[in-house]
Amino acid sequence: MRDFPFWHNALKTAKTQVGLATVAADLATFQKQTGFLDEEKKLTEPQLKTLREFYTARKKALDREALPKEKPKFKK
C-alpha cells in the first residue's frame, strides 16, 4: 500500500528535477486511480497539502543545487 510515508520518501530521495516531476506525476495518477479496482484509500487533503509544501521546498533546493556556486572563469 502506498501511503504518506512512501510518497514523502519518494519526494525526499528524488535527485533531479526530472525525478521529482516523475514522482509528482505518479502521485497524481495514484490519487486518480486509487479505489478504482481495490480498497486502497486515497491520501487525505491535509496529507496532500503537506506533500505539496514539501515538493515546493524540495524543488527549490534542487534548483539551488543545479546553479553553479560561482561564475566560471575564462582565460582570455
Protein backbone atom coordinates (compact mmCIF):
# COMPACT_ATOMS: atom_id res chain seq x y z
CA MET A 1 0.00 0.00 0.00
CA ARG A 2 1.32 3.41 -0.89
CA ASP A 3 0.77 5.84 1.91
CA PHE A 4 2.03 9.19 3.13
CA PRO A 5 5.49 7.99 4.26
CA PHE A 6 6.04 6.28 0.90
CA TRP A 7 5.32 9.46 -1.09
CA HIS A 8 7.27 11.66 1.33
CA ASN A 9 10.30 9.40 1.00
CA ALA A 10 9.95 9.31 -2.80
CA LEU A 11 9.98 13.12 -2.93
CA LYS A 12 12.86 13.28 -0.47
CA THR A 13 15.07 10.88 -2.40
CA ALA A 14 14.50 12.45 -5.84
CA LYS A 15 17.89 13.62 -7.02
CA THR A 16 16.91 15.70 -10.06
CA GLN A 17 14.11 17.96 -11.25
CA VAL A 18 13.02 15.25 -13.70
CA GLY A 19 12.90 12.64 -10.93
CA LEU A 20 10.90 14.98 -8.72
CA ALA A 21 8.43 15.69 -11.53
CA THR A 22 8.07 11.96 -12.17
CA VAL A 23 7.20 11.31 -8.52
CA ALA A 24 4.65 14.14 -8.62
CA ALA A 25 3.05 12.69 -11.76
CA ASP A 26 2.95 9.23 -10.19
CA LEU A 27 1.29 10.66 -7.09
CA ALA A 28 -1.35 12.42 -9.19
CA THR A 29 -2.07 9.19 -11.06
CA PHE A 30 -2.25 7.28 -7.77
CA GLN A 31 -4.79 9.74 -6.38
CA LYS A 32 -6.97 9.43 -9.50
CA GLN A 33 -6.86 5.64 -9.69
CA THR A 34 -6.93 4.65 -6.03
CA GLY A 35 -10.05 2.78 -5.08
CA PHE A 36 -10.95 2.05 -8.69
CA LEU A 37 -10.15 -1.66 -8.54
CA ASP A 38 -9.25 -2.25 -4.92
CA GLU A 39 -9.91 -0.98 -1.44
CA GLU A 40 -6.78 1.15 -1.22
CA LYS A 41 -7.55 4.56 0.24
CA LYS A 42 -6.59 7.92 -1.19
CA LEU A 43 -4.45 10.35 0.72
CA THR A 44 -6.37 12.95 2.72
CA GLU A 45 -6.34 16.63 1.80
CA PRO A 46 -4.11 17.61 4.78
CA GLN A 47 -1.63 14.92 3.74
CA LEU A 48 -1.65 16.21 0.16
CA LYS A 49 -1.14 19.77 1.38
CA THR A 50 1.92 18.67 3.36
CA LEU A 51 3.30 16.80 0.35
CA ARG A 52 2.75 19.83 -1.89
CA GLU A 53 4.65 22.05 0.55
CA PHE A 54 7.48 19.52 0.76
CA TYR A 55 7.52 19.23 -3.05
CA THR A 56 7.89 23.00 -3.39
CA ALA A 57 10.70 23.12 -0.83
CA ARG A 58 12.48 20.17 -2.46
CA LYS A 59 12.15 21.75 -5.91
CA LYS A 60 13.72 24.98 -4.66
CA ALA A 61 16.56 23.02 -3.05
CA LEU A 62 17.24 21.16 -6.29
CA ASP A 63 17.19 24.47 -8.19
CA ARG A 64 19.84 25.87 -5.84
CA GLU A 65 21.99 22.74 -6.21
CA ALA A 66 21.82 22.97 -10.01
CA LEU A 67 23.14 26.52 -10.10
CA PRO A 68 26.93 26.99 -10.13
CA LYS A 69 28.42 28.29 -6.89
CA GLU A 70 30.46 30.96 -8.66
CA LYS A 71 30.87 32.37 -12.11
CA PRO A 72 33.13 30.34 -14.39
CA LYS A 73 36.48 31.96 -15.15
CA PHE A 74 37.54 32.02 -18.75
CA LYS A 75 41.06 32.58 -19.95
CA LYS A 76 41.45 35.45 -22.38
